[in-house]
């Protein structure tokens, strides 16, 4: 499979994950988001874009995807929230991305499928 972005063909796997994450840029992200929304998903908000960029940065720094637990802890910590607030933030993530937020964010960020990844 593939997507076309400004005359470039970007290869994806059968689930829509980029085969080469290095090809991701904001234009590719926009194309992935448009495809996601065209599939009947909610529009990606500015908060969604912040999370997509967070995923890119985290992956670049650690070469692994953030787990849901790590995402909740870091986001809550950044906002000075408590564990109770982490639960409400998790609910918020599922409102933004109802079908597996971690996998969805990884795909929109142009990262590999995190399905079989184990963070150590």
Foldseek 3Di string as FASTA:
>chain_A
DWDAFPNDTFDDPPVQAGPDLVPDDVRLLVRLQVVVVVVVADRQDVVNVVLLVVQVVVCVVPVAGDDLVRVLVVVCVVVVHDPVVSVVVVVVQCVNPVPPSRQSSCRSSNHDRNPPPDDD
